[in-house]
Amino acid sequence: MHFAHNHAVSALIFDMDDLLVRSAAIWLAAENSLLRALGQTWTPELAAQYKGMNSLDVARVIHETYRPAWPLTESQRLLRDTLIAGFNGQVEPMPGAVEMVQRVAGRVPMAVASGSPLTAIEYCLNTLGLRQHFAQVISSEVVPLGKPHPDVFLAVATALNVPAGKCLVFEDSLIGVRAAAAAGMRCFSVPSGPHTEANRYFPSLAAIKLEDIFP
C-alpha cells in the first residue's frame, strides 16, 4: 500500500456546468441565439467542437465556422449576455452534487474552475448554498487560454498553493478532462458518457465514495 502516497489528494477542483449544475439547456439557448442571428442551426457535430469551452471560445468557434460580417467581439457579447441572463433563473443541481460537496467540504481546500462567466458561477454556487465551501472560484475567461488548455486549472492550483500533481479534478466534458491531464492533475470523469482519457469514470457524483477520493 506504499503507492497510496502517489494519489494523495491535497485539493479538489470542480467544473460547474453539467457537473454541479444542470445547465446544458441554458448553454444551448445561448448557442442557439447566436446561431439564429447567423441564420444557422445547431448541430451535434458543431457542438462537439466546443463542449467544455468558455463562452468566449464557444462564440469564437461558431464565429469562425460561419464567418459573419460583424466582428468576433459582437458574437462573443451576444452569446455571453444570453448565457448570463439564462442563469438568472432556475438553478438545478446535478444528482448528488450538493450532497457530495457537503460530504468532502473541510477535508482539503476546494475550488471551482469553470468556463461560465464568473457572475454565473457565483450566482449558481450561492443559489445552491455551496459558495462557502470553495476557497477559490475562477472562470477560464480570465486566463490566457481556456480548456482544453491547462491554464485555468494551473491558476487554481497556484491560488490554492497546492502542487498540480496533488489536485483531483471532477469534469464532465472531454475538453475538460484533457485540460486536467494537460495540467498534470488526476481527473474523475462524471459525464453523460464515459471518457476513457480520465483516471476514473463515474455515472454521477452520487456514485463517488469518500474512499475513491481519499484512498
N, C-alpha and C. Protein backbone atom coordinates (compact mmCIF):
# COMPACT_ATOMS: atom_id res chain seq x y z
N MET A 1 0.82 -1.22 0.00
CA MET A 1 0.00 0.00 0.00
C MET A 1 0.86 1.27 0.00
N HIS A 2 2.20 1.09 -0.12
CA HIS A 2 3.03 2.30 -0.07
C HIS A 2 2.85 3.18 -1.31
N PHE A 3 2.12 2.68 -2.32
CA PHE A 3 1.86 3.50 -3.50
C PHE A 3 0.78 4.56 -3.25
N ALA A 4 0.05 4.43 -2.16
CA ALA A 4 -1.09 5.32 -1.89
C ALA A 4 -0.67 6.78 -1.88
N HIS A 5 0.58 7.05 -1.47
CA HIS A 5 1.02 8.44 -1.39
C HIS A 5 1.05 9.11 -2.76
N ASN A 6 1.22 8.32 -3.82
CA ASN A 6 1.21 8.90 -5.17
C ASN A 6 -0.14 9.52 -5.49
N HIS A 7 -1.17 9.01 -4.84
CA HIS A 7 -2.52 9.51 -5.12
C HIS A 7 -3.04 10.41 -3.99
N ALA A 8 -2.13 10.82 -3.10
CA ALA A 8 -2.56 11.69 -2.01
C ALA A 8 -3.16 12.97 -2.60
N VAL A 9 -4.35 13.29 -2.17
CA VAL A 9 -5.07 14.45 -2.72
C VAL A 9 -5.02 15.60 -1.72
N SER A 10 -4.50 16.75 -2.18
CA SER A 10 -4.40 17.92 -1.31
C SER A 10 -5.38 19.03 -1.68
N ALA A 11 -6.08 18.86 -2.82
CA ALA A 11 -7.09 19.84 -3.24
C ALA A 11 -8.06 19.19 -4.21
N LEU A 12 -9.30 19.63 -4.17
CA LEU A 12 -10.33 19.16 -5.10
C LEU A 12 -10.79 20.33 -5.96
N ILE A 13 -10.84 20.09 -7.27
CA ILE A 13 -11.26 21.13 -8.21
C ILE A 13 -12.46 20.63 -9.00
N PHE A 14 -13.53 21.39 -8.97
CA PHE A 14 -14.76 21.01 -9.65
C PHE A 14 -15.02 21.91 -10.85
N ASP A 15 -15.38 21.29 -11.97
CA ASP A 15 -16.03 22.02 -13.06
C ASP A 15 -17.44 22.37 -12.54
N MET A 16 -18.18 23.21 -13.25
CA MET A 16 -19.53 23.52 -12.78
C MET A 16 -20.62 23.02 -13.72
N ASP A 17 -20.52 23.39 -14.99
CA ASP A 17 -21.61 23.12 -15.93
C ASP A 17 -21.79 21.63 -16.18
N ASP A 18 -22.99 21.14 -15.93
CA ASP A 18 -23.36 19.74 -16.10
C ASP A 18 -22.53 18.80 -15.22
N LEU A 19 -21.89 19.38 -14.20
CA LEU A 19 -21.24 18.57 -13.16
C LEU A 19 -21.89 18.90 -11.82
N LEU A 20 -21.86 20.19 -11.44
CA LEU A 20 -22.55 20.64 -10.23
C LEU A 20 -23.95 21.15 -10.54
N VAL A 21 -24.09 21.78 -11.69
CA VAL A 21 -25.35 22.45 -12.06
C VAL A 21 -25.83 21.92 -13.41
N ARG A 22 -27.13 21.66 -13.50
CA ARG A 22 -27.71 21.21 -14.77
C ARG A 22 -27.92 22.43 -15.66
N SER A 23 -26.98 22.65 -16.57
CA SER A 23 -27.02 23.91 -17.34
C SER A 23 -26.95 23.70 -18.84
N ALA A 24 -27.05 22.47 -19.30
CA ALA A 24 -26.97 22.22 -20.75
C ALA A 24 -28.00 23.03 -21.53
N ALA A 25 -29.23 23.12 -20.99
CA ALA A 25 -30.29 23.84 -21.70
C ALA A 25 -30.01 25.35 -21.75
N ILE A 26 -29.38 25.86 -20.69
CA ILE A 26 -29.03 27.29 -20.65
C ILE A 26 -27.98 27.61 -21.70
N TRP A 27 -26.95 26.76 -21.78
CA TRP A 27 -25.91 26.94 -22.80
C TRP A 27 -26.50 26.78 -24.20
N LEU A 28 -27.35 25.77 -24.37
CA LEU A 28 -27.93 25.50 -25.69
C LEU A 28 -28.74 26.71 -26.17
N ALA A 29 -29.50 27.32 -25.26
CA ALA A 29 -30.29 28.50 -25.63
C ALA A 29 -29.39 29.65 -26.06
N ALA A 30 -28.25 29.82 -25.37
CA ALA A 30 -27.32 30.89 -25.72
C ALA A 30 -26.65 30.62 -27.07
N GLU A 31 -26.26 29.36 -27.28
CA GLU A 31 -25.67 28.99 -28.58
C GLU A 31 -26.68 29.22 -29.71
N ASN A 32 -27.93 28.82 -29.45
CA ASN A 32 -28.97 28.97 -30.47
C ASN A 32 -29.24 30.44 -30.79
N SER A 33 -29.14 31.30 -29.77
CA SER A 33 -29.40 32.73 -30.02
C SER A 33 -28.36 33.29 -30.99
N LEU A 34 -27.11 32.88 -30.83
CA LEU A 34 -26.06 33.34 -31.76
C LEU A 34 -26.24 32.70 -33.13
N LEU A 35 -26.53 31.41 -33.16
CA LEU A 35 -26.69 30.72 -34.44
C LEU A 35 -27.88 31.27 -35.23
N ARG A 36 -28.96 31.60 -34.51
CA ARG A 36 -30.13 32.20 -35.19
C ARG A 36 -29.75 33.54 -35.82
N ALA A 37 -28.98 34.33 -35.08
CA ALA A 37 -28.54 35.63 -35.61
C ALA A 37 -27.69 35.45 -36.87
N LEU A 38 -27.01 34.29 -36.95
CA LEU A 38 -26.18 33.98 -38.12
C LEU A 38 -26.96 33.28 -39.22
N GLY A 39 -28.26 33.01 -38.95
CA GLY A 39 -29.07 32.29 -39.92
C GLY A 39 -28.70 30.81 -40.00
N GLN A 40 -28.17 30.26 -38.88
CA GLN A 40 -27.72 28.88 -38.86
C GLN A 40 -28.50 28.09 -37.81
N THR A 41 -28.32 26.78 -37.82
CA THR A 41 -28.96 25.94 -36.82
C THR A 41 -27.91 25.10 -36.09
N TRP A 42 -28.23 24.75 -34.85
CA TRP A 42 -27.35 23.96 -34.01
C TRP A 42 -27.21 22.55 -34.56
N THR A 43 -25.99 22.01 -34.52
CA THR A 43 -25.78 20.61 -34.88
C THR A 43 -24.88 19.96 -33.83
N PRO A 44 -25.06 18.65 -33.59
CA PRO A 44 -24.20 17.98 -32.61
C PRO A 44 -22.73 17.99 -33.04
N GLU A 45 -22.49 17.99 -34.35
CA GLU A 45 -21.11 18.00 -34.85
C GLU A 45 -20.41 19.31 -34.47
N LEU A 46 -21.13 20.41 -34.61
CA LEU A 46 -20.57 21.71 -34.23
C LEU A 46 -20.35 21.77 -32.72
N ALA A 47 -21.35 21.32 -31.96
CA ALA A 47 -21.27 21.38 -30.50
C ALA A 47 -20.12 20.53 -29.96
N ALA A 48 -19.81 19.43 -30.64
CA ALA A 48 -18.73 18.56 -30.19
C ALA A 48 -17.39 19.28 -30.22
N GLN A 49 -17.28 20.31 -31.06
CA GLN A 49 -16.03 21.06 -31.17
C GLN A 49 -15.80 21.97 -29.96
N TYR A 50 -16.88 22.35 -29.26
CA TYR A 50 -16.70 23.36 -28.21
C TYR A 50 -17.26 22.99 -26.84
N LYS A 51 -17.88 21.84 -26.68
CA LYS A 51 -18.44 21.49 -25.35
C LYS A 51 -17.32 21.48 -24.31
N GLY A 52 -17.50 22.27 -23.25
CA GLY A 52 -16.50 22.37 -22.21
C GLY A 52 -15.67 23.65 -22.30
N MET A 53 -15.77 24.35 -23.43
CA MET A 53 -15.07 25.63 -23.58
C MET A 53 -15.84 26.74 -22.86
N ASN A 54 -15.19 27.88 -22.64
CA ASN A 54 -15.90 29.02 -22.07
C ASN A 54 -16.69 29.74 -23.15
N SER A 55 -17.52 30.70 -22.73
CA SER A 55 -18.45 31.34 -23.67
C SER A 55 -17.71 32.11 -24.77
N LEU A 56 -16.56 32.69 -24.43
CA LEU A 56 -15.81 33.46 -25.43
C LEU A 56 -15.26 32.53 -26.51
N ASP A 57 -14.80 31.32 -26.09
CA ASP A 57 -14.27 30.37 -27.05
C ASP A 57 -15.37 29.67 -27.84
N VAL A 58 -16.51 29.40 -27.19
CA VAL A 58 -17.65 28.83 -27.92
C VAL A 58 -18.07 29.78 -29.03
N ALA A 59 -18.18 31.07 -28.69
CA ALA A 59 -18.56 32.07 -29.69
C ALA A 59 -17.52 32.15 -30.81
N ARG A 60 -16.24 31.99 -30.44
CA ARG A 60 -15.17 32.05 -31.46
C ARG A 60 -15.30 30.88 -32.44
N VAL A 61 -15.56 29.67 -31.92
CA VAL A 61 -15.71 28.50 -32.80
C VAL A 61 -16.87 28.71 -33.76
N ILE A 62 -18.01 29.18 -33.23
CA ILE A 62 -19.19 29.42 -34.08
C ILE A 62 -18.90 30.53 -35.09
N HIS A 63 -18.27 31.61 -34.61
CA HIS A 63 -17.96 32.77 -35.48
C HIS A 63 -17.03 32.35 -36.62
N GLU A 64 -15.99 31.56 -36.29
CA GLU A 64 -15.02 31.16 -37.31
C GLU A 64 -15.60 30.14 -38.28
N THR A 65 -16.61 29.40 -37.82
CA THR A 65 -17.26 28.41 -38.70
C THR A 65 -18.12 29.11 -39.76
N TYR A 66 -18.83 30.18 -39.36
CA TYR A 66 -19.79 30.80 -40.28
C TYR A 66 -19.37 32.18 -40.79
N ARG A 67 -18.31 32.73 -40.22
CA ARG A 67 -17.70 33.98 -40.72
C ARG A 67 -18.70 35.09 -41.08
N PRO A 68 -19.42 35.60 -40.09
CA PRO A 68 -20.35 36.70 -40.37
C PRO A 68 -19.61 38.01 -40.66
N ALA A 69 -20.38 39.00 -41.10
CA ALA A 69 -19.77 40.29 -41.45
C ALA A 69 -19.35 41.08 -40.22
N TRP A 70 -19.97 40.82 -39.08
CA TRP A 70 -19.64 41.59 -37.88
C TRP A 70 -18.43 40.99 -37.15
N PRO A 71 -17.80 41.76 -36.26
CA PRO A 71 -16.58 41.30 -35.59
C PRO A 71 -16.84 40.20 -34.55
N LEU A 72 -15.78 39.47 -34.23
CA LEU A 72 -15.86 38.39 -33.25
C LEU A 72 -16.41 38.89 -31.91
N THR A 73 -15.99 40.09 -31.49
CA THR A 73 -16.43 40.60 -30.19
C THR A 73 -17.95 40.71 -30.11
N GLU A 74 -18.60 40.96 -31.23
CA GLU A 74 -20.06 41.06 -31.23
C GLU A 74 -20.69 39.68 -31.02
N SER A 75 -20.14 38.67 -31.66
CA SER A 75 -20.62 37.30 -31.45
C SER A 75 -20.42 36.89 -29.99
N GLN A 76 -19.28 37.24 -29.42
CA GLN A 76 -18.99 36.89 -28.03
C GLN A 76 -19.94 37.60 -27.07
N ARG A 77 -20.21 38.87 -27.33
CA ARG A 77 -21.12 39.63 -26.46
C ARG A 77 -22.52 39.04 -26.51
N LEU A 78 -22.99 38.71 -27.70
CA LEU A 78 -24.34 38.18 -27.86
C LEU A 78 -24.50 36.87 -27.09
N LEU A 79 -23.56 35.94 -27.29
CA LEU A 79 -23.68 34.64 -26.64
C LEU A 79 -23.53 34.79 -25.13
N ARG A 80 -22.57 35.59 -24.68
CA ARG A 80 -22.30 35.70 -23.25
C ARG A 80 -23.46 36.38 -22.51
N ASP A 81 -24.02 37.44 -23.11
CA ASP A 81 -25.16 38.14 -22.48
C ASP A 81 -26.36 37.20 -22.33
N THR A 82 -26.63 36.42 -23.38
CA THR A 82 -27.75 35.48 -23.34
C THR A 82 -27.51 34.40 -22.29
N LEU A 83 -26.26 33.96 -22.20
CA LEU A 83 -25.90 32.93 -21.23
C LEU A 83 -26.11 33.43 -19.80
N ILE A 84 -25.59 34.60 -19.48
CA ILE A 84 -25.72 35.15 -18.13
C ILE A 84 -27.20 35.35 -17.77
N ALA A 85 -27.97 35.85 -18.73
CA ALA A 85 -29.41 36.04 -18.49
C ALA A 85 -30.09 34.70 -18.22
N GLY A 86 -29.65 33.66 -18.93
CA GLY A 86 -30.24 32.33 -18.76
C GLY A 86 -29.99 31.75 -17.38
N PHE A 87 -28.82 32.04 -16.80
CA PHE A 87 -28.51 31.52 -15.47
C PHE A 87 -29.34 32.20 -14.39
N ASN A 88 -29.78 33.42 -14.64
CA ASN A 88 -30.53 34.16 -13.63
C ASN A 88 -31.97 33.69 -13.54
N GLY A 89 -32.13 32.40 -13.36
CA GLY A 89 -33.46 31.82 -13.22
C GLY A 89 -33.38 30.62 -12.33
N GLN A 90 -33.93 29.54 -12.78
CA GLN A 90 -33.92 28.31 -12.00
C GLN A 90 -32.55 27.64 -12.10
N VAL A 91 -31.90 27.43 -10.96
CA VAL A 91 -30.63 26.71 -10.93
C VAL A 91 -30.88 25.35 -10.30
N GLU A 92 -30.67 24.30 -11.08
CA GLU A 92 -30.96 22.94 -10.61
C GLU A 92 -29.65 22.17 -10.46
N PRO A 93 -29.41 21.58 -9.28
CA PRO A 93 -28.17 20.82 -9.10
C PRO A 93 -28.20 19.51 -9.86
N MET A 94 -27.04 19.02 -10.24
CA MET A 94 -26.93 17.68 -10.81
C MET A 94 -27.12 16.65 -9.69
N PRO A 95 -27.51 15.42 -10.03
CA PRO A 95 -27.77 14.41 -9.00
C PRO A 95 -26.55 14.18 -8.10
N GLY A 96 -26.77 14.33 -6.80
CA GLY A 96 -25.71 14.07 -5.82
C GLY A 96 -24.70 15.18 -5.64
N ALA A 97 -24.83 16.27 -6.41
CA ALA A 97 -23.80 17.32 -6.39
C ALA A 97 -23.72 18.03 -5.04
N VAL A 98 -24.86 18.51 -4.54
CA VAL A 98 -24.87 19.26 -3.28
C VAL A 98 -24.38 18.36 -2.14
N GLU A 99 -24.89 17.13 -2.12
CA GLU A 99 -24.53 16.20 -1.06
C GLU A 99 -23.04 15.88 -1.07
N MET A 100 -22.48 15.71 -2.27
CA MET A 100 -21.07 15.36 -2.35
C MET A 100 -20.18 16.50 -1.88
N VAL A 101 -20.48 17.71 -2.34
CA VAL A 101 -19.68 18.87 -1.91
C VAL A 101 -19.72 19.00 -0.39
N GLN A 102 -20.90 18.84 0.18
CA GLN A 102 -21.03 18.94 1.64
C GLN A 102 -20.28 17.82 2.35
N ARG A 103 -20.22 16.65 1.71
CA ARG A 103 -19.57 15.49 2.32
C ARG A 103 -18.05 15.66 2.37
N VAL A 104 -17.47 16.26 1.32
CA VAL A 104 -16.00 16.39 1.27
C VAL A 104 -15.51 17.72 1.80
N ALA A 105 -16.42 18.67 2.03
CA ALA A 105 -16.03 20.01 2.47
C ALA A 105 -15.24 19.96 3.77
N GLY A 106 -14.18 20.76 3.84
CA GLY A 106 -13.41 20.88 5.06
C GLY A 106 -12.24 19.91 5.17
N ARG A 107 -12.20 18.90 4.29
CA ARG A 107 -11.10 17.92 4.35
C ARG A 107 -9.84 18.48 3.69
N VAL A 108 -10.00 19.04 2.50
CA VAL A 108 -8.90 19.70 1.79
C VAL A 108 -9.48 20.94 1.12
N PRO A 109 -8.64 21.91 0.72
CA PRO A 109 -9.17 23.08 0.01
C PRO A 109 -9.88 22.66 -1.28
N MET A 110 -10.95 23.39 -1.60
CA MET A 110 -11.72 23.08 -2.80
C MET A 110 -11.90 24.34 -3.64
N ALA A 111 -12.03 24.14 -4.96
CA ALA A 111 -12.19 25.26 -5.88
C ALA A 111 -13.12 24.86 -7.02
N VAL A 112 -13.65 25.88 -7.69
CA VAL A 112 -14.41 25.68 -8.93
C VAL A 112 -13.63 26.33 -10.07
N ALA A 113 -13.44 25.57 -11.14
CA ALA A 113 -12.78 26.08 -12.35
C ALA A 113 -13.72 25.82 -13.51
N SER A 114 -14.39 26.86 -13.97
CA SER A 114 -15.48 26.68 -14.93
C SER A 114 -15.33 27.61 -16.13
N GLY A 115 -15.93 27.20 -17.24
CA GLY A 115 -15.94 28.04 -18.43
C GLY A 115 -17.05 29.07 -18.42
N SER A 116 -17.93 29.01 -17.44
CA SER A 116 -19.00 30.01 -17.35
C SER A 116 -18.44 31.35 -16.88
N PRO A 117 -19.13 32.46 -17.19
CA PRO A 117 -18.71 33.75 -16.65
C PRO A 117 -18.74 33.73 -15.12
N LEU A 118 -17.84 34.47 -14.49
CA LEU A 118 -17.72 34.45 -13.03
C LEU A 118 -19.05 34.80 -12.35
N THR A 119 -19.78 35.76 -12.90
CA THR A 119 -21.06 36.15 -12.30
C THR A 119 -22.02 34.97 -12.26
N ALA A 120 -22.01 34.14 -13.32
CA ALA A 120 -22.89 32.97 -13.38
C ALA A 120 -22.44 31.91 -12.37
N ILE A 121 -21.12 31.71 -12.24
CA ILE A 121 -20.61 30.72 -11.29
C ILE A 121 -21.01 31.11 -9.87
N GLU A 122 -20.75 32.36 -9.52
CA GLU A 122 -21.07 32.84 -8.17
C GLU A 122 -22.58 32.72 -7.90
N TYR A 123 -23.37 33.08 -8.88
CA TYR A 123 -24.84 33.02 -8.73
C TYR A 123 -25.28 31.58 -8.46
N CYS A 124 -24.76 30.63 -9.25
CA CYS A 124 -25.16 29.23 -9.09
C CYS A 124 -24.73 28.67 -7.74
N LEU A 125 -23.49 28.94 -7.35
CA LEU A 125 -22.99 28.40 -6.07
C LEU A 125 -23.74 28.99 -4.89
N ASN A 126 -24.04 30.28 -4.96
CA ASN A 126 -24.81 30.92 -3.89
C ASN A 126 -26.23 30.37 -3.83
N THR A 127 -26.84 30.17 -5.00
CA THR A 127 -28.21 29.67 -5.06
C THR A 127 -28.30 28.26 -4.47
N LEU A 128 -27.28 27.45 -4.71
CA LEU A 128 -27.27 26.07 -4.19
C LEU A 128 -26.77 26.01 -2.74
N GLY A 129 -26.33 27.14 -2.22
CA GLY A 129 -25.84 27.17 -0.84
C GLY A 129 -24.48 26.54 -0.67
N LEU A 130 -23.66 26.55 -1.73
CA LEU A 130 -22.36 25.87 -1.69
C LEU A 130 -21.16 26.82 -1.71
N ARG A 131 -21.40 28.10 -1.91
CA ARG A 131 -20.28 29.02 -2.15
C ARG A 131 -19.23 28.98 -1.04
N GLN A 132 -19.67 28.86 0.22
CA GLN A 132 -18.74 28.95 1.35
C GLN A 132 -17.76 27.78 1.39
N HIS A 133 -18.03 26.71 0.65
CA HIS A 133 -17.16 25.54 0.68
C HIS A 133 -15.95 25.67 -0.26
N PHE A 134 -15.96 26.69 -1.11
CA PHE A 134 -14.90 26.81 -2.12
C PHE A 134 -13.98 27.99 -1.81
N ALA A 135 -12.69 27.66 -1.64
CA ALA A 135 -11.70 28.69 -1.33
C ALA A 135 -11.40 29.57 -2.54
N GLN A 136 -11.52 29.00 -3.73
CA GLN A 136 -11.27 29.75 -4.96
C GLN A 136 -12.34 29.43 -6.00
N VAL A 137 -12.75 30.45 -6.74
CA VAL A 137 -13.69 30.27 -7.85
C VAL A 137 -13.12 31.06 -9.03
N ILE A 138 -12.74 30.35 -10.09
CA ILE A 138 -12.07 31.00 -11.22
C ILE A 138 -12.77 30.62 -12.52
N SER A 139 -13.06 31.62 -13.35
CA SER A 139 -13.60 31.39 -14.69
C SER A 139 -12.45 31.30 -15.68
N SER A 140 -12.55 30.37 -16.63
CA SER A 140 -11.49 30.27 -17.63
C SER A 140 -11.49 31.45 -18.59
N GLU A 141 -12.49 32.34 -18.45
CA GLU A 141 -12.48 33.57 -19.26
C GLU A 141 -11.32 34.50 -18.88
N VAL A 142 -10.79 34.36 -17.64
CA VAL A 142 -9.78 35.33 -17.17
C VAL A 142 -8.35 34.82 -17.35
N VAL A 143 -8.17 33.58 -17.82
CA VAL A 143 -6.82 33.08 -18.06
C VAL A 143 -6.52 33.18 -19.56
N PRO A 144 -5.22 33.13 -19.93
CA PRO A 144 -4.88 33.33 -21.35
C PRO A 144 -5.58 32.37 -22.30
N LEU A 145 -5.65 31.09 -21.93
CA LEU A 145 -6.26 30.10 -22.80
C LEU A 145 -7.25 29.25 -22.01
N GLY A 146 -8.46 29.08 -22.55
CA GLY A 146 -9.48 28.26 -21.90
C GLY A 146 -9.23 26.77 -22.14
N LYS A 147 -10.05 25.94 -21.53
CA LYS A 147 -9.97 24.49 -21.76
C LYS A 147 -10.13 24.21 -23.25
N PRO A 148 -9.41 23.25 -23.85
CA PRO A 148 -8.65 22.15 -23.26
C PRO A 148 -7.24 22.50 -22.79
N HIS A 149 -6.86 23.77 -22.83
CA HIS A 149 -5.55 24.18 -22.29
C HIS A 149 -5.62 24.12 -20.76
N PRO A 150 -4.48 23.93 -20.09
CA PRO A 150 -4.48 23.72 -18.64
C PRO A 150 -4.56 24.99 -17.80
N ASP A 151 -4.59 26.17 -18.45
CA ASP A 151 -4.40 27.44 -17.74
C ASP A 151 -5.29 27.62 -16.51
N VAL A 152 -6.58 27.34 -16.64
CA VAL A 152 -7.50 27.62 -15.51
C VAL A 152 -7.21 26.68 -14.34
N PHE A 153 -6.88 25.43 -14.61
CA PHE A 153 -6.57 24.50 -13.53
C PHE A 153 -5.25 24.87 -12.84
N LEU A 154 -4.27 25.29 -13.63
CA LEU A 154 -2.99 25.71 -13.04
C LEU A 154 -3.17 26.99 -12.22
N ALA A 155 -4.04 27.88 -12.69
CA ALA A 155 -4.32 29.12 -11.94
C ALA A 155 -4.95 28.79 -10.59
N VAL A 156 -5.85 27.81 -10.57
CA VAL A 156 -6.48 27.39 -9.32
C VAL A 156 -5.46 26.77 -8.37
N ALA A 157 -4.60 25.90 -8.89
CA ALA A 157 -3.58 25.27 -8.06
C ALA A 157 -2.67 26.32 -7.43
N THR A 158 -2.28 27.31 -8.23
CA THR A 158 -1.44 28.40 -7.71
C THR A 158 -2.18 29.18 -6.63
N ALA A 159 -3.45 29.48 -6.88
CA ALA A 159 -4.25 30.25 -5.92
C ALA A 159 -4.43 29.48 -4.61
N LEU A 160 -4.54 28.15 -4.70
CA LEU A 160 -4.70 27.31 -3.51
C LEU A 160 -3.35 26.99 -2.86
N ASN A 161 -2.25 27.28 -3.59
CA ASN A 161 -0.90 26.96 -3.12
C ASN A 161 -0.73 25.45 -2.94
N VAL A 162 -1.24 24.70 -3.92
CA VAL A 162 -1.16 23.23 -3.92
C VAL A 162 -0.51 22.79 -5.24
N PRO A 163 0.46 21.88 -5.20
CA PRO A 163 1.06 21.40 -6.45
C PRO A 163 0.02 20.75 -7.35
N ALA A 164 0.16 20.95 -8.67
CA ALA A 164 -0.82 20.40 -9.62
C ALA A 164 -0.99 18.89 -9.45
N GLY A 165 0.11 18.19 -9.18
CA GLY A 165 0.06 16.74 -9.05
C GLY A 165 -0.71 16.25 -7.83
N LYS A 166 -1.02 17.16 -6.92
CA LYS A 166 -1.79 16.80 -5.71
C LYS A 166 -3.26 17.20 -5.83
N CYS A 167 -3.65 17.68 -7.01
CA CYS A 167 -5.04 18.10 -7.22
C CYS A 167 -5.83 16.99 -7.91
N LEU A 168 -7.08 16.84 -7.52
CA LEU A 168 -8.01 15.93 -8.19
C LEU A 168 -9.14 16.75 -8.79
N VAL A 169 -9.36 16.57 -10.08
CA VAL A 169 -10.36 17.34 -10.83
C VAL A 169 -11.58 16.47 -11.10
N PHE A 170 -12.76 17.09 -11.02
CA PHE A 170 -14.02 16.45 -11.41
C PHE A 170 -14.54 17.17 -12.64
N GLU A 171 -14.70 16.45 -13.74
CA GLU A 171 -15.09 17.05 -15.01
C GLU A 171 -16.17 16.23 -15.70
N ASP A 172 -16.97 16.90 -16.55
CA ASP A 172 -17.96 16.15 -17.32
C ASP A 172 -17.61 16.09 -18.80
N SER A 173 -16.85 17.05 -19.32
CA SER A 173 -16.60 17.10 -20.76
C SER A 173 -15.21 16.57 -21.10
N LEU A 174 -15.06 16.05 -22.31
CA LEU A 174 -13.77 15.55 -22.78
C LEU A 174 -12.75 16.69 -22.83
N ILE A 175 -13.20 17.88 -23.25
CA ILE A 175 -12.31 19.04 -23.29
C ILE A 175 -11.78 19.36 -21.89
N GLY A 176 -12.66 19.23 -20.88
CA GLY A 176 -12.24 19.48 -19.50
C GLY A 176 -11.30 18.41 -18.99
N VAL A 177 -11.56 17.14 -19.33
CA VAL A 177 -10.68 16.04 -18.94
C VAL A 177 -9.29 16.26 -19.53
N ARG A 178 -9.24 16.69 -20.78
CA ARG A 178 -7.94 16.93 -21.43
C ARG A 178 -7.21 18.11 -20.79
N ALA A 179 -7.96 19.12 -20.36
CA ALA A 179 -7.34 20.27 -19.68
C ALA A 179 -6.71 19.84 -18.36
N ALA A 180 -7.40 18.97 -17.63
CA ALA A 180 -6.87 18.48 -16.37
C ALA A 180 -5.60 17.66 -16.59
N ALA A 181 -5.63 16.81 -17.62
CA ALA A 181 -4.46 15.99 -17.93
C ALA A 181 -3.28 16.88 -18.33
N ALA A 182 -3.56 17.92 -19.11
CA ALA A 182 -2.51 18.84 -19.55
C ALA A 182 -1.89 19.58 -18.36
N ALA A 183 -2.69 19.75 -17.30
CA ALA A 183 -2.21 20.42 -16.09
C ALA A 183 -1.44 19.46 -15.18
N GLY A 184 -1.40 18.17 -15.54
CA GLY A 184 -0.73 17.19 -14.72
C GLY A 184 -1.53 16.77 -13.50
N MET A 185 -2.85 16.89 -13.61
CA MET A 185 -3.74 16.56 -12.50
C MET A 185 -4.50 15.27 -12.77
N ARG A 186 -4.83 14.53 -11.70
CA ARG A 186 -5.72 13.38 -11.85
C ARG A 186 -7.13 13.90 -12.07
N CYS A 187 -7.93 13.10 -12.77
CA CYS A 187 -9.28 13.56 -13.12
C CYS A 187 -10.28 12.42 -13.05
N PHE A 188 -11.39 12.68 -12.37
CA PHE A 188 -12.54 11.78 -12.38
C PHE A 188 -13.56 12.35 -13.35
N SER A 189 -14.00 11.53 -14.27
CA SER A 189 -15.00 11.95 -15.25
C SER A 189 -16.38 11.55 -14.76
N VAL A 190 -17.30 12.52 -14.73
CA VAL A 190 -18.66 12.26 -14.24
C VAL A 190 -19.63 12.81 -15.28
N PRO A 191 -19.63 12.21 -16.45
CA PRO A 191 -20.40 12.79 -17.56
C PRO A 191 -21.62 11.97 -17.93
N SER A 192 -22.19 12.35 -19.05
CA SER A 192 -23.32 11.61 -19.60
C SER A 192 -22.83 10.36 -20.32
N GLY A 193 -21.55 10.30 -20.66
CA GLY A 193 -20.97 9.11 -21.29
C GLY A 193 -19.52 8.99 -20.87
N PRO A 194 -18.97 7.76 -20.82
CA PRO A 194 -17.62 7.59 -20.29
C PRO A 194 -16.55 8.22 -21.17
N HIS A 195 -15.55 8.81 -20.51
CA HIS A 195 -14.40 9.36 -21.23
C HIS A 195 -13.19 8.53 -20.82
N THR A 196 -12.65 7.78 -21.76
CA THR A 196 -11.58 6.85 -21.44
C THR A 196 -10.28 7.58 -21.05
N GLU A 197 -10.20 8.87 -21.33
CA GLU A 197 -8.97 9.59 -21.02
C GLU A 197 -8.88 10.01 -19.54
N ALA A 198 -9.97 9.90 -18.81
CA ALA A 198 -9.94 10.25 -17.39
C ALA A 198 -9.33 9.11 -16.58
N ASN A 199 -8.88 9.41 -15.35
CA ASN A 199 -8.33 8.37 -14.49
C ASN A 199 -9.41 7.37 -14.06
N ARG A 200 -10.59 7.90 -13.75
CA ARG A 200 -11.72 7.04 -13.40
C ARG A 200 -13.00 7.66 -13.93
N TYR A 201 -14.01 6.82 -14.13
CA TYR A 201 -15.31 7.29 -14.63
C TYR A 201 -16.40 6.89 -13.65
N PHE A 202 -17.31 7.82 -13.38
CA PHE A 202 -18.46 7.55 -12.52
C PHE A 202 -19.72 8.02 -13.22
N PRO A 203 -20.84 7.30 -13.06
CA PRO A 203 -22.08 7.72 -13.72
C PRO A 203 -22.67 9.00 -13.15
N SER A 204 -22.38 9.31 -11.88
CA SER A 204 -22.85 10.56 -11.28
C SER A 204 -22.01 10.85 -10.05
N LEU A 205 -22.10 12.08 -9.54
CA LEU A 205 -21.37 12.42 -8.32
C LEU A 205 -21.87 11.58 -7.14
N ALA A 206 -23.13 11.17 -7.19
CA ALA A 206 -23.69 10.36 -6.11
C ALA A 206 -22.99 9.01 -6.00
N ALA A 207 -22.35 8.57 -7.09
CA ALA A 207 -21.70 7.26 -7.10
C ALA A 207 -20.29 7.29 -6.53
N ILE A 208 -19.75 8.47 -6.28
CA ILE A 208 -18.38 8.59 -5.77
C ILE A 208 -18.38 8.47 -4.25
N LYS A 209 -17.55 7.57 -3.74
CA LYS A 209 -17.41 7.39 -2.30
C LYS A 209 -16.17 8.12 -1.80
N LEU A 210 -16.17 8.42 -0.51
CA LEU A 210 -15.03 9.11 0.09
C LEU A 210 -13.73 8.34 -0.15
N GLU A 211 -13.78 7.01 -0.10
CA GLU A 211 -12.55 6.23 -0.29
C GLU A 211 -12.05 6.26 -1.72
N ASP A 212 -12.94 6.62 -2.67
CA ASP A 212 -12.47 6.83 -4.05
C ASP A 212 -11.56 8.06 -4.15
N ILE A 213 -11.88 9.06 -3.35
CA ILE A 213 -11.13 10.33 -3.38
C ILE A 213 -9.92 10.28 -2.46
N PHE A 214 -10.13 9.72 -1.26
CA PHE A 214 -9.06 9.66 -0.26
C PHE A 214 -8.78 8.19 0.07
N PRO A 215 -7.99 7.51 -0.79
CA PRO A 215 -7.76 6.07 -0.58
C PRO A 215 -6.95 5.80 0.68
